[in-house]
Amino acid sequence: MSDIYESAANSLGLFSSPCLTKVELRLTCKGISDRDALSKPDPCIVLNMQSHGQWMEVDRTEVIRSCVNPTYSKVFTLDFYFEEVQRLRFELYDINSSHNGLKEADFLGSVECTLGQIISQRKLSKALVRPGGTVGKVIITITAEELTGNDDYIELSFSARKLDDKDFFSKSDPFLEIYRLNDDATLQLVYRTETVMNNLNPVWKTFKVSLNSLCSGDHERKLQCTVWDWDSNGKHDYIGEFEATFKEMRGAIDGRQVQWPCINPKYKVKKKNYKNSGIVILNQCKIIKMHSFLDYIMGGCQIQFTVAIDFTASNGDPRNSCSLHYIHPYQPNEYLKALVAVGEICQDYDSDKMFPAFGFGARIPPDYKVSHDFAVNFNEDNPECAGIQGVVEAYQACLPKLQLYGPTNIAPIIQKVANSASQEVHTKEAMVRQYFILLILTDGVITDMADTREAIVQASHLPMSVIIVGVGNADFSDMQMLDGDDGILRSPKGEPVLRDIVQFVPFRNFKHASPAALAKSVLAEVPNQVVDYYNSKGIKPKVPSEYQSSRPFGP
């Protein structure tokens, strides 16, 4: 049995080049034409990165309504590897106003380049290539900035009072923009708040920006802040502006308010008794120390890796060579390849190397009732297997004893792991923190989508991530909604996920690539998901001295 494990494991050509630095990319567009005579476009840019010949979505900007020359406040943060050619593709979409996903969006074209090209030029402008290959008039400009050691985040809470009313039949709809003054005297958009409708005394939502984005670590760098009255046609009315520095903003750290008069220079010249166009107030400023994935791992955080395998009848009879579960003496099937590729990475972060392994969708002995969360080793009291090889052996041993059945329900297994993660959360002063990764290997579209959405939304509050690998040639288009790439995932009741914790990848995209490419793709988001969870809870990594004496290492 170990021959198959070694056959899959030996093909892992894992990436070893170190991340040289992190870079921030900011985007602007010019010249998007009005495709619809009745309304302006609602543009959004999607960033894709090439991995072993496959384009994978990395991130996307916000949607800017009714705008032909958008400047995005969303910042893309990427690891830069000097030894690798990192190919990027920026895709421009006109988003349907009633739906923020890409399914109903109009694809306007794309720009391709490498991360090295952007970094070497600092600012790269390229014409959009339209569908069909013709060069269009739209220009996308990408600006790169290296992230320095200023990786702390600033949390800011702004409000305003007595803003000028710019509307005839209602009150102004104000939003605030913060720009950083660069060394070359250009202005760089740092953040744009949401619009507060029909309100001259708006309270904007609290937001976070990195200290690097805000002022490049220079506390006295000038920031230009502008207040606008939003209009649906994109021609927003100017209310006023003020200058600030982060040094001034720090005055709100201890709970005191910092205020600036919002000035319209034209009114100041024309009106004798003009004082201001309102007052902008900073109610709170917090400095949030951002810790890295390595900070938590080196501080003793353990990755608890669980595997769930699909044993539904659609996989085919395991005795038949056409079955997805067929065991060839030396050639691992897709389930084994995916399991080993991802498991080999995760096991490095688990000290005892014991992995629970579950199956779903089969009739199991002795009474042959259908189960959606049975232990692959048939030991319900201890479903753990010794290492990834132990999982492989338990998987092979259980196949002849099962009756493949259905349906494809994955909510029970997500809930099972979520229960373990919930116990971890409620264990006060746990000496070793645990973060749970559930790898689900399935051959088909799930049949309990509503329950699964509910389970994922609840799990997003816990130290947990879910990786789903689609095995075989089924149509997995409905699965994409689970990983939030087509808008925010919501439960059937409408509750949104607190964090994006799901990554879905079809295995067929990596059939002709090394297993390392699959592992890199499905695990790329995990470090950020770990950091996001602990940072959102205000949980700091422990220093080695706090856990080394009590860390329960396995044999």
Protein backbone atom coordinates (compact mmCIF):
# COMPACT_ATOMS: atom_id res chain seq x y z
CA MET A 1 0.00 0.00 0.00
CA SER A 2 2.87 2.36 0.75
CA ASP A 3 3.99 2.15 -2.89
CA ILE A 4 0.95 4.20 -3.94
CA TYR A 5 1.54 6.73 -1.18
CA GLU A 6 5.18 7.08 -2.22
CA SER A 7 4.17 7.33 -5.90
CA ALA A 8 1.95 10.31 -5.08
CA ALA A 9 4.33 11.85 -2.55
CA ASN A 10 7.44 11.57 -4.72
CA SER A 11 5.85 13.66 -7.45
CA LEU A 12 5.57 16.66 -5.12
CA GLY A 13 7.97 19.26 -6.50
CA LEU A 14 7.22 21.85 -3.83
CA PHE A 15 8.10 25.50 -4.35
CA SER A 16 11.11 26.51 -2.30
CA SER A 17 11.99 30.01 -3.48
CA PRO A 18 11.61 32.50 -0.62
CA CYS A 19 9.28 35.47 -0.83
CA LEU A 20 11.56 38.43 -1.51
CA THR A 21 9.13 41.11 -0.44
CA LYS A 22 5.48 42.10 -0.45
CA VAL A 23 4.16 44.70 -2.86
CA GLU A 24 0.95 46.71 -2.97
CA LEU A 25 -0.77 47.32 -6.32
CA ARG A 26 -3.24 50.17 -6.91
CA LEU A 27 -5.40 50.51 -10.01
CA THR A 28 -7.01 53.23 -12.09
CA CYS A 29 -8.85 53.10 -15.43
CA LYS A 30 -9.52 55.72 -18.06
CA GLY A 31 -11.90 55.84 -21.01
CA ILE A 32 -14.47 53.13 -20.31
CA SER A 33 -17.20 53.74 -22.89
CA ASP A 34 -20.91 53.86 -22.10
CA ARG A 35 -22.16 50.52 -23.47
CA ASP A 36 -25.68 51.33 -22.33
CA ALA A 37 -27.09 54.67 -23.51
CA LEU A 38 -29.26 54.91 -20.40
CA SER A 39 -26.56 54.40 -17.76
CA LYS A 40 -22.82 54.59 -17.20
CA PRO A 41 -20.76 51.45 -16.52
CA ASP A 42 -20.27 49.98 -13.04
CA PRO A 43 -16.66 48.80 -13.42
CA CYS A 44 -14.79 46.22 -11.36
CA ILE A 45 -11.31 44.74 -11.97
CA VAL A 46 -10.50 41.10 -11.21
CA LEU A 47 -6.86 40.13 -10.64
CA ASN A 48 -5.78 36.69 -11.86
CA MET A 49 -2.37 35.04 -11.44
CA GLN A 50 -1.04 32.22 -13.59
CA SER A 51 -0.01 29.01 -11.85
CA HIS A 52 1.28 26.17 -14.06
CA GLY A 53 -0.70 27.32 -17.05
CA GLN A 54 -3.93 27.94 -15.12
CA TRP A 55 -5.34 31.40 -14.37
CA MET A 56 -6.52 31.61 -10.76
CA GLU A 57 -8.44 34.55 -9.30
CA VAL A 58 -6.45 36.28 -6.55
CA ASP A 59 -8.63 39.24 -5.64
CA ARG A 60 -10.97 41.88 -7.05
CA THR A 61 -11.62 45.58 -6.57
CA GLU A 62 -14.79 47.16 -5.32
CA VAL A 63 -17.50 48.05 -7.86
CA ILE A 64 -17.65 51.79 -8.62
CA ARG A 65 -21.10 52.77 -9.79
CA SER A 66 -21.68 55.02 -12.84
CA CYS A 67 -18.03 55.74 -13.59
CA VAL A 68 -15.99 55.84 -16.80
CA ASN A 69 -12.65 56.78 -15.15
CA PRO A 70 -12.55 54.78 -11.89
CA THR A 71 -9.86 55.06 -9.25
CA TYR A 72 -10.07 52.07 -6.92
CA SER A 73 -9.41 52.25 -3.20
CA LYS A 74 -8.94 48.46 -3.00
CA VAL A 75 -5.24 47.57 -2.67
CA PHE A 76 -3.89 44.23 -3.95
CA THR A 77 -1.08 42.84 -1.75
CA LEU A 78 1.13 40.22 -3.43
CA ASP A 79 4.23 38.24 -2.52
CA PHE A 80 7.03 38.97 -4.97
CA TYR A 81 9.37 36.11 -5.93
CA PHE A 82 12.42 37.32 -7.78
CA GLU A 83 13.18 33.86 -9.24
CA GLU A 84 9.67 33.34 -10.66
CA VAL A 85 7.93 34.90 -13.63
CA GLN A 86 4.66 35.91 -11.98
CA ARG A 87 2.14 36.44 -14.76
CA LEU A 88 -0.85 38.64 -13.93
CA ARG A 89 -4.07 39.34 -15.81
CA PHE A 90 -6.33 42.25 -14.92
CA GLU A 91 -9.88 41.66 -16.21
CA LEU A 92 -12.32 44.57 -16.48
CA TYR A 93 -16.03 43.89 -15.96
CA ASP A 94 -19.16 46.04 -16.10
CA ILE A 95 -21.15 44.70 -13.17
CA ASN A 96 -24.91 44.31 -13.34
CA SER A 97 -26.35 46.90 -10.95
CA SER A 98 -28.63 44.36 -9.27
CA HIS A 99 -25.99 41.63 -8.90
CA ASN A 100 -22.40 42.04 -7.72
CA GLY A 101 -21.18 38.70 -9.11
CA LEU A 102 -19.47 38.02 -12.43
CA LYS A 103 -22.11 35.65 -13.85
CA GLU A 104 -24.26 38.46 -15.24
CA ALA A 105 -21.42 40.96 -15.76
CA ASP A 106 -20.18 42.18 -19.15
CA PHE A 107 -16.52 41.30 -19.77
CA LEU A 108 -14.90 44.39 -21.31
CA GLY A 109 -11.37 43.05 -21.82
CA SER A 110 -8.09 42.42 -20.04
CA VAL A 111 -4.46 43.46 -19.61
CA GLU A 112 -1.62 40.96 -19.09
CA CYS A 113 1.85 41.65 -17.69
CA THR A 114 4.27 40.28 -15.13
CA LEU A 115 4.68 41.46 -11.56
CA GLY A 116 8.35 42.11 -12.36
CA GLN A 117 7.39 44.53 -15.15
CA ILE A 118 5.18 46.53 -12.80
CA ILE A 119 7.81 46.64 -10.06
CA SER A 120 10.59 47.69 -12.43
CA GLN A 121 8.51 50.58 -13.81
CA ARG A 122 6.70 51.48 -10.55
CA LYS A 123 3.77 52.65 -12.70
CA LEU A 124 2.64 50.63 -15.71
CA SER A 125 -0.08 51.81 -18.13
CA LYS A 126 -1.46 49.44 -20.78
CA ALA A 127 -4.34 49.52 -23.22
CA LEU A 128 -7.13 47.03 -22.63
CA VAL A 129 -7.32 44.10 -25.04
CA ARG A 130 -10.99 43.60 -25.88
CA PRO A 131 -12.73 40.24 -26.37
CA GLY A 132 -11.65 39.09 -29.80
CA GLY A 133 -8.09 40.36 -29.41
CA THR A 134 -8.40 43.98 -30.61
CA VAL A 135 -6.73 46.75 -28.63
CA GLY A 136 -9.25 49.14 -27.09
CA LYS A 137 -9.10 52.74 -25.90
CA VAL A 138 -9.39 51.91 -22.20
CA ILE A 139 -6.12 52.40 -20.30
CA ILE A 140 -5.45 50.51 -17.07
CA THR A 141 -2.70 51.95 -14.86
CA ILE A 142 -1.11 49.81 -12.16
CA THR A 143 1.08 51.44 -9.52
CA ALA A 144 3.39 49.31 -7.35
CA GLU A 145 4.80 50.07 -3.94
CA GLU A 146 6.97 47.84 -1.80
CA LEU A 147 5.61 47.11 1.64
CA THR A 148 8.10 48.31 4.22
CA GLY A 149 8.21 47.25 7.84
CA ASN A 150 5.17 49.45 8.52
CA ASP A 151 2.71 46.58 8.39
CA ASP A 152 0.54 47.84 11.26
CA TYR A 153 -3.05 48.75 10.49
CA ILE A 154 -4.95 51.85 11.52
CA GLU A 155 -8.65 51.66 12.40
CA LEU A 156 -10.47 54.96 11.87
CA SER A 157 -14.03 56.09 12.65
CA PHE A 158 -15.16 59.31 10.92
CA SER A 159 -18.38 61.31 11.14
CA ALA A 160 -19.44 64.83 10.13
CA ARG A 161 -21.96 67.44 11.17
CA LYS A 162 -23.79 70.28 9.43
CA LEU A 163 -22.49 69.51 5.94
CA ASP A 164 -23.72 71.73 3.09
CA ASP A 165 -26.91 70.55 1.44
CA LYS A 166 -26.30 70.09 -2.29
CA ASP A 167 -29.67 68.57 -3.24
CA PHE A 168 -32.90 70.45 -3.97
CA PHE A 169 -35.47 67.87 -2.90
CA SER A 170 -33.50 65.94 -0.28
CA LYS A 171 -30.37 66.19 1.81
CA SER A 172 -26.83 65.50 0.59
CA ASP A 173 -25.59 61.90 0.27
CA PRO A 174 -22.03 62.36 1.59
CA PHE A 175 -18.95 60.17 1.25
CA LEU A 176 -15.35 60.87 2.28
CA GLU A 177 -12.14 60.26 0.31
CA ILE A 178 -8.65 60.27 1.84
CA TYR A 179 -5.65 60.91 -0.44
CA ARG A 180 -1.96 60.66 0.40
CA LEU A 181 0.44 63.27 -0.95
CA ASN A 182 3.30 61.39 -2.62
CA ASP A 183 6.91 62.51 -2.80
CA ASP A 184 6.41 63.56 -6.44
CA ALA A 185 3.47 65.81 -5.41
CA THR A 186 0.86 63.45 -6.92
CA LEU A 187 -2.16 62.36 -4.91
CA GLN A 188 -2.81 58.67 -4.19
CA LEU A 189 -6.28 57.51 -3.13
CA VAL A 190 -6.00 55.70 0.20
CA TYR A 191 -9.63 55.06 1.10
CA ARG A 192 -13.16 55.90 0.00
CA THR A 193 -15.99 55.49 2.53
CA GLU A 194 -19.45 54.25 1.76
CA THR A 195 -22.17 56.80 0.95
CA VAL A 196 -24.57 57.77 3.72
CA MET A 197 -27.83 58.65 2.02
CA ASN A 198 -29.90 61.78 2.77
CA ASN A 199 -27.92 62.90 5.83
CA LEU A 200 -26.02 66.11 6.64
CA ASN A 201 -24.65 64.54 9.85
CA PRO A 202 -23.27 61.24 8.52
CA VAL A 203 -21.54 58.57 10.59
CA TRP A 204 -19.35 56.48 8.30
CA LYS A 205 -18.47 52.87 9.03
CA THR A 206 -15.21 52.18 10.85
CA PHE A 207 -12.51 51.07 8.41
CA LYS A 208 -8.95 49.77 8.43
CA VAL A 209 -5.99 50.82 6.27
CA SER A 210 -2.35 49.86 6.56
CA LEU A 211 0.03 52.48 7.96
CA ASN A 212 2.06 51.91 4.81
CA SER A 213 -0.90 52.81 2.57
CA LEU A 214 -1.90 55.81 4.65
CA CYS A 215 1.42 57.60 4.92
CA SER A 216 4.31 55.21 4.10
CA GLY A 217 5.20 55.32 7.78
CA ASP A 218 5.72 59.11 7.69
CA HIS A 219 3.47 60.43 10.46
CA GLU A 220 3.73 64.02 9.17
CA ARG A 221 2.96 63.28 5.52
CA LYS A 222 0.08 65.44 4.25
CA LEU A 223 -3.27 63.78 3.68
CA GLN A 224 -5.94 65.50 1.62
CA CYS A 225 -9.47 64.58 2.67
CA THR A 226 -12.42 65.48 0.43
CA VAL A 227 -16.15 65.24 1.13
CA TRP A 228 -18.54 64.70 -1.80
CA ASP A 229 -22.29 64.55 -2.32
CA TRP A 230 -22.91 61.33 -4.25
CA ASP A 231 -25.01 61.48 -7.43
CA SER A 232 -26.27 58.40 -9.30
CA ASN A 233 -25.00 59.75 -12.64
CA GLY A 234 -21.42 59.73 -11.35
CA LYS A 235 -21.11 63.55 -11.35
CA HIS A 236 -20.66 63.94 -7.60
CA ASP A 237 -20.98 67.42 -6.06
CA TYR A 238 -17.98 68.80 -4.21
CA ILE A 239 -18.76 69.78 -0.59
CA GLY A 240 -15.33 70.63 0.78
CA GLU A 241 -11.93 69.41 1.91
CA PHE A 242 -9.36 69.57 4.69
CA GLU A 243 -5.72 68.62 5.21
CA ALA A 244 -4.59 66.27 7.96
CA THR A 245 -1.63 64.16 9.04
CA PHE A 246 -1.48 60.84 10.82
CA LYS A 247 0.25 62.67 13.69
CA GLU A 248 -2.97 64.72 14.10
CA MET A 249 -5.14 61.62 13.79
CA ARG A 250 -3.24 59.97 16.63
CA GLY A 251 -4.91 62.51 18.91
CA ALA A 252 -8.03 60.32 18.77
CA ILE A 253 -6.21 57.26 20.13
CA ASP A 254 -7.21 57.86 23.75
CA GLY A 255 -10.88 58.41 22.89
CA ARG A 256 -10.75 62.16 22.33
CA GLN A 257 -12.26 63.54 19.15
CA VAL A 258 -10.18 65.33 16.51
CA GLN A 259 -12.04 67.80 14.29
CA TRP A 260 -11.36 69.63 11.03
CA PRO A 261 -13.45 72.33 9.32
CA CYS A 262 -14.50 71.18 5.85
CA ILE A 263 -13.65 74.07 3.53
CA ASN A 264 -14.88 74.88 0.03
CA PRO A 265 -12.21 77.33 -1.32
CA LYS A 266 -14.64 78.93 -3.81
CA TYR A 267 -17.12 79.78 -1.05
CA LYS A 268 -14.29 81.13 1.10
CA VAL A 269 -13.43 83.65 -1.65
CA LYS A 270 -17.00 84.55 -2.62
CA LYS A 271 -18.85 84.61 0.71
CA LYS A 272 -17.96 87.23 3.31
CA ASN A 273 -19.25 85.42 6.37
CA TYR A 274 -18.27 81.95 5.20
CA LYS A 275 -16.91 79.74 8.00
CA ASN A 276 -17.01 76.22 6.62
CA SER A 277 -19.14 73.65 4.77
CA GLY A 278 -19.39 71.45 7.85
CA ILE A 279 -17.16 69.80 10.43
CA VAL A 280 -15.49 66.40 9.93
CA ILE A 281 -14.81 64.47 13.13
CA LEU A 282 -12.42 61.59 13.80
CA ASN A 283 -14.08 59.77 16.70
CA GLN A 284 -11.55 57.01 17.13
CA CYS A 285 -8.07 56.01 15.96
CA LYS A 286 -6.66 52.61 16.83
CA ILE A 287 -3.28 51.18 15.90
CA ILE A 288 -3.63 47.45 15.27
CA LYS A 289 -0.43 45.43 15.34
CA MET A 290 -0.70 42.96 12.45
CA HIS A 291 0.89 39.60 13.07
CA SER A 292 1.94 37.20 10.33
CA PHE A 293 1.05 33.56 9.73
CA LEU A 294 4.59 32.64 10.81
CA ASP A 295 4.16 34.63 14.04
CA TYR A 296 1.25 32.37 14.98
CA ILE A 297 2.86 29.12 13.81
CA MET A 298 6.12 29.95 15.61
CA GLY A 299 3.98 30.89 18.60
CA GLY A 300 2.71 27.33 18.84
CA CYS A 301 -0.51 27.47 16.77
CA GLN A 302 -1.32 23.97 15.51
CA ILE A 303 -3.06 23.14 12.22
CA GLN A 304 -5.64 20.40 12.78
CA PHE A 305 -6.04 18.75 9.37
CA THR A 306 -9.19 16.66 8.67
CA VAL A 307 -10.02 14.79 5.46
CA ALA A 308 -13.51 13.96 4.13
CA ILE A 309 -13.90 11.66 1.12
CA ASP A 310 -16.92 11.26 -1.18
CA PHE A 311 -18.15 7.65 -1.41
CA THR A 312 -21.31 8.27 -3.43
CA ALA A 313 -22.34 5.87 -6.20
CA SER A 314 -21.57 8.41 -8.93
CA ASN A 315 -17.87 7.62 -8.42
CA GLY A 316 -18.42 4.21 -10.03
CA ASP A 317 -17.77 0.70 -8.68
CA PRO A 318 -14.23 0.72 -7.17
CA ARG A 319 -13.63 -2.72 -8.75
CA ASN A 320 -14.02 -1.17 -12.20
CA SER A 321 -10.95 0.51 -13.71
CA CYS A 322 -13.17 3.43 -14.85
CA SER A 323 -14.13 4.24 -11.25
CA LEU A 324 -12.66 7.33 -9.60
CA HIS A 325 -12.00 5.08 -6.58
CA TYR A 326 -10.21 2.35 -8.56
CA ILE A 327 -6.95 1.33 -6.86
CA HIS A 328 -4.22 0.71 -9.41
CA PRO A 329 -1.15 -1.11 -7.98
CA TYR A 330 1.24 1.77 -8.76
CA GLN A 331 -0.73 4.69 -10.20
CA PRO A 332 -2.63 6.73 -7.58
CA ASN A 333 -6.17 7.81 -8.45
CA GLU A 334 -7.27 11.45 -8.33
CA TYR A 335 -8.51 11.16 -4.74
CA LEU A 336 -5.10 9.95 -3.60
CA LYS A 337 -3.22 12.56 -5.63
CA ALA A 338 -5.27 15.42 -4.19
CA LEU A 339 -5.10 14.01 -0.65
CA VAL A 340 -1.32 13.64 -0.68
CA ALA A 341 -0.65 16.96 -2.43
CA VAL A 342 -2.57 18.99 0.18
CA GLY A 343 -1.88 16.74 3.17
CA GLU A 344 1.89 16.81 2.70
CA ILE A 345 1.84 20.58 3.20
CA CYS A 346 -0.55 20.65 6.15
CA GLN A 347 1.14 17.89 8.12
CA ASP A 348 4.22 20.05 8.62
CA TYR A 349 2.18 22.30 10.91
CA ASP A 350 0.64 19.49 13.01
CA SER A 351 2.92 18.24 15.78
CA ASP A 352 1.30 14.84 16.43
CA LYS A 353 0.71 14.00 12.71
CA MET A 354 -2.62 12.35 13.58
CA PHE A 355 -5.40 13.16 11.10
CA PRO A 356 -9.13 12.41 11.44
CA ALA A 357 -10.46 10.95 8.17
CA PHE A 358 -14.17 10.70 7.38
CA GLY A 359 -16.30 9.46 4.52
CA PHE A 360 -19.75 10.47 3.33
CA GLY A 361 -22.46 9.15 1.01
CA ALA A 362 -21.97 5.40 1.61
CA ARG A 363 -23.76 2.54 3.33
CA ILE A 364 -21.44 1.28 6.04
CA PRO A 365 -21.16 -2.00 7.95
CA PRO A 366 -22.49 -3.65 9.98
CA ASP A 367 -26.09 -2.48 9.32
CA TYR A 368 -25.35 -0.72 6.00
CA LYS A 369 -27.20 2.48 6.80
CA VAL A 370 -26.25 5.59 4.82
CA SER A 371 -23.79 7.84 6.67
CA HIS A 372 -22.47 11.30 5.80
CA ASP A 373 -19.76 11.50 8.47
CA PHE A 374 -18.37 8.04 9.24
CA ALA A 375 -14.79 7.30 10.27
CA VAL A 376 -12.82 5.85 7.36
CA ASN A 377 -11.07 3.49 9.82
CA PHE A 378 -14.54 2.53 11.20
CA ASN A 379 -13.42 3.57 14.70
CA GLU A 380 -15.94 6.26 15.61
CA ASP A 381 -14.26 6.80 19.01
CA ASN A 382 -10.90 7.52 17.37
CA PRO A 383 -11.13 8.44 13.66
CA GLU A 384 -7.50 9.60 13.55
CA CYS A 385 -4.94 8.05 11.22
CA ALA A 386 -1.16 8.15 11.67
CA GLY A 387 0.14 10.59 9.08
CA ILE A 388 -1.04 11.07 5.52
CA GLN A 389 0.14 7.52 4.76
CA GLY A 390 -2.22 6.29 7.50
CA VAL A 391 -5.11 8.10 5.83
CA VAL A 392 -4.18 6.54 2.47
CA GLU A 393 -4.07 3.05 3.99
CA ALA A 394 -7.38 3.50 5.84
CA TYR A 395 -8.99 4.75 2.61
CA GLN A 396 -7.79 1.71 0.65
CA ALA A 397 -8.80 -0.72 3.40
CA CYS A 398 -12.35 0.63 3.72
CA LEU A 399 -13.25 0.59 0.01
CA PRO A 400 -14.11 -3.15 -0.26
CA LYS A 401 -16.32 -2.91 2.87
CA LEU A 402 -18.53 -0.04 1.71
CA GLN A 403 -21.57 0.21 -0.52
CA LEU A 404 -21.27 3.43 -2.51
CA TYR A 405 -24.60 5.22 -2.33
CA GLY A 406 -25.68 8.90 -1.92
CA PRO A 407 -26.74 11.69 -1.89
CA THR A 408 -23.74 14.08 -1.82
CA ASN A 409 -24.28 15.89 1.49
CA ILE A 410 -21.32 17.77 3.00
CA ALA A 411 -23.03 19.93 5.64
CA PRO A 412 -22.79 17.13 8.30
CA ILE A 413 -19.01 16.87 7.98
CA ILE A 414 -18.56 20.68 8.05
CA GLN A 415 -20.69 20.79 11.21
CA LYS A 416 -18.68 17.94 12.76
CA VAL A 417 -15.37 19.78 12.35
CA ALA A 418 -17.03 23.08 13.34
CA ASN A 419 -18.07 21.45 16.63
CA SER A 420 -14.41 20.64 17.35
CA ALA A 421 -13.39 24.19 16.41
CA SER A 422 -16.14 25.56 18.66
CA GLN A 423 -14.82 23.53 21.61
CA GLU A 424 -11.39 25.01 20.94
CA VAL A 425 -12.84 28.54 21.07
CA HIS A 426 -14.56 27.87 24.39
CA THR A 427 -11.51 26.33 26.05
CA LYS A 428 -10.28 29.18 28.22
CA GLU A 429 -6.57 29.91 28.21
CA ALA A 430 -5.73 27.00 25.91
CA MET A 431 -1.97 26.45 26.03
CA VAL A 432 -1.82 25.50 22.34
CA ARG A 433 -4.08 27.23 19.83
CA GLN A 434 -5.62 25.08 17.14
CA TYR A 435 -6.80 26.08 13.69
CA PHE A 436 -8.88 23.54 11.74
CA ILE A 437 -8.56 22.81 8.02
CA LEU A 438 -11.14 20.51 6.45
CA LEU A 439 -10.23 19.02 3.06
CA ILE A 440 -13.32 17.72 1.22
CA LEU A 441 -12.72 15.56 -1.85
CA THR A 442 -15.90 15.12 -3.92
CA ASP A 443 -16.83 13.99 -7.42
CA GLY A 444 -20.08 15.91 -7.85
CA VAL A 445 -22.19 18.90 -7.11
CA ILE A 446 -23.50 18.74 -3.56
CA THR A 447 -27.19 18.06 -2.95
CA ASP A 448 -27.59 19.90 0.38
CA MET A 449 -26.55 23.36 -0.82
CA ALA A 450 -28.83 25.28 1.57
CA ASP A 451 -27.58 23.35 4.64
CA THR A 452 -23.99 23.68 3.41
CA ARG A 453 -24.30 27.46 3.03
CA GLU A 454 -25.70 27.67 6.56
CA ALA A 455 -22.87 25.48 7.92
CA ILE A 456 -20.19 27.60 6.18
CA VAL A 457 -21.66 30.87 7.48
CA GLN A 458 -21.61 29.50 11.04
CA ALA A 459 -18.09 28.08 10.59
CA SER A 460 -16.83 31.49 9.40
CA HIS A 461 -17.00 32.61 13.06
CA LEU A 462 -14.61 29.81 14.11
CA PRO A 463 -10.87 29.05 13.65
CA MET A 464 -11.58 26.97 10.56
CA SER A 465 -11.06 26.84 6.77
CA VAL A 466 -12.69 24.53 4.22
CA ILE A 467 -10.91 23.33 1.07
CA ILE A 468 -13.02 21.54 -1.54
CA VAL A 469 -11.34 19.69 -4.40
CA GLY A 470 -13.65 18.54 -7.21
CA VAL A 471 -12.52 15.15 -8.57
CA GLY A 472 -13.59 13.88 -12.00
CA ASN A 473 -15.37 15.60 -14.88
CA ALA A 474 -18.66 16.75 -13.31
CA ASP A 475 -20.05 20.25 -13.88
CA PHE A 476 -18.84 22.11 -10.77
CA SER A 477 -20.15 25.56 -11.75
CA ASP A 478 -22.57 25.67 -8.79
CA MET A 479 -19.69 24.97 -6.38
CA GLN A 480 -17.98 28.27 -7.22
CA MET A 481 -20.57 30.17 -5.18
CA LEU A 482 -19.30 28.54 -1.99
CA ASP A 483 -15.88 30.20 -2.08
CA GLY A 484 -17.27 33.71 -2.39
CA ASP A 485 -15.66 34.45 -5.77
CA ASP A 486 -19.04 35.48 -7.21
CA GLY A 487 -20.09 37.82 -4.42
CA ILE A 488 -20.51 37.33 -0.67
CA LEU A 489 -21.79 33.90 0.35
CA ARG A 490 -24.95 34.09 2.46
CA SER A 491 -26.96 31.57 4.42
CA PRO A 492 -30.52 30.78 3.24
CA LYS A 493 -31.68 33.32 5.86
CA GLY A 494 -29.48 36.02 4.30
CA GLU A 495 -26.72 36.07 6.93
CA PRO A 496 -23.36 36.80 5.25
CA VAL A 497 -20.14 34.93 5.99
CA LEU A 498 -17.98 36.72 8.55
CA ARG A 499 -14.82 35.64 6.72
CA ASP A 500 -14.19 34.00 3.36
CA ILE A 501 -13.14 30.50 4.54
CA VAL A 502 -13.82 28.29 1.49
CA GLN A 503 -11.56 27.56 -1.45
CA PHE A 504 -12.88 25.38 -4.29
CA VAL A 505 -10.66 23.96 -7.04
CA PRO A 506 -11.48 21.38 -9.75
CA PHE A 507 -8.71 18.77 -9.83
CA ARG A 508 -8.92 18.55 -13.63
CA ASN A 509 -7.34 22.03 -13.86
CA PHE A 510 -4.16 20.44 -12.48
CA LYS A 511 -4.18 17.06 -14.24
CA HIS A 512 -1.08 17.90 -16.24
CA ALA A 513 0.63 19.99 -13.58
CA SER A 514 2.59 18.84 -10.56
CA PRO A 515 0.67 18.14 -7.33
CA ALA A 516 2.61 21.09 -5.90
CA ALA A 517 0.63 23.40 -8.20
CA LEU A 518 -2.63 22.03 -6.77
CA ALA A 519 -1.35 22.38 -3.21
CA LYS A 520 -0.21 25.94 -3.83
CA SER A 521 -3.57 26.88 -5.33
CA VAL A 522 -5.82 25.41 -2.64
CA LEU A 523 -3.64 26.45 0.30
CA ALA A 524 -2.75 29.95 -0.94
CA GLU A 525 -5.53 31.62 1.06
CA VAL A 526 -5.05 29.64 4.29
CA PRO A 527 -2.28 31.79 5.88
CA ASN A 528 -4.37 34.95 5.45
CA GLN A 529 -7.46 33.14 6.76
CA VAL A 530 -5.54 32.11 9.89
CA VAL A 531 -4.22 35.65 10.42
CA ASP A 532 -7.62 37.25 9.72
CA TYR A 533 -9.30 35.03 12.30
CA TYR A 534 -6.85 35.67 15.13
CA ASN A 535 -6.44 39.36 14.36
CA SER A 536 -10.23 39.85 14.23
CA LYS A 537 -10.47 38.27 17.68
CA GLY A 538 -7.61 40.39 19.03
CA ILE A 539 -5.64 37.20 19.76
CA LYS A 540 -1.89 37.78 19.71
CA PRO A 541 0.63 35.03 18.92
CA LYS A 542 2.37 33.58 21.93
CA VAL A 543 6.10 33.95 22.30
CA PRO A 544 7.99 30.63 22.36
CA SER A 545 8.63 30.74 26.12
CA GLU A 546 4.86 30.71 26.75
CA TYR A 547 4.23 27.34 25.18
CA GLN A 548 7.48 25.38 24.78
CA SER A 549 7.38 23.82 28.24
CA SER A 550 3.81 22.55 27.79
CA ARG A 551 3.59 21.89 24.06
CA PRO A 552 2.18 18.35 23.60
CA PHE A 553 4.39 16.93 20.87
CA GLY A 554 3.44 13.49 19.63
CA PRO A 555 5.81 10.59 19.02
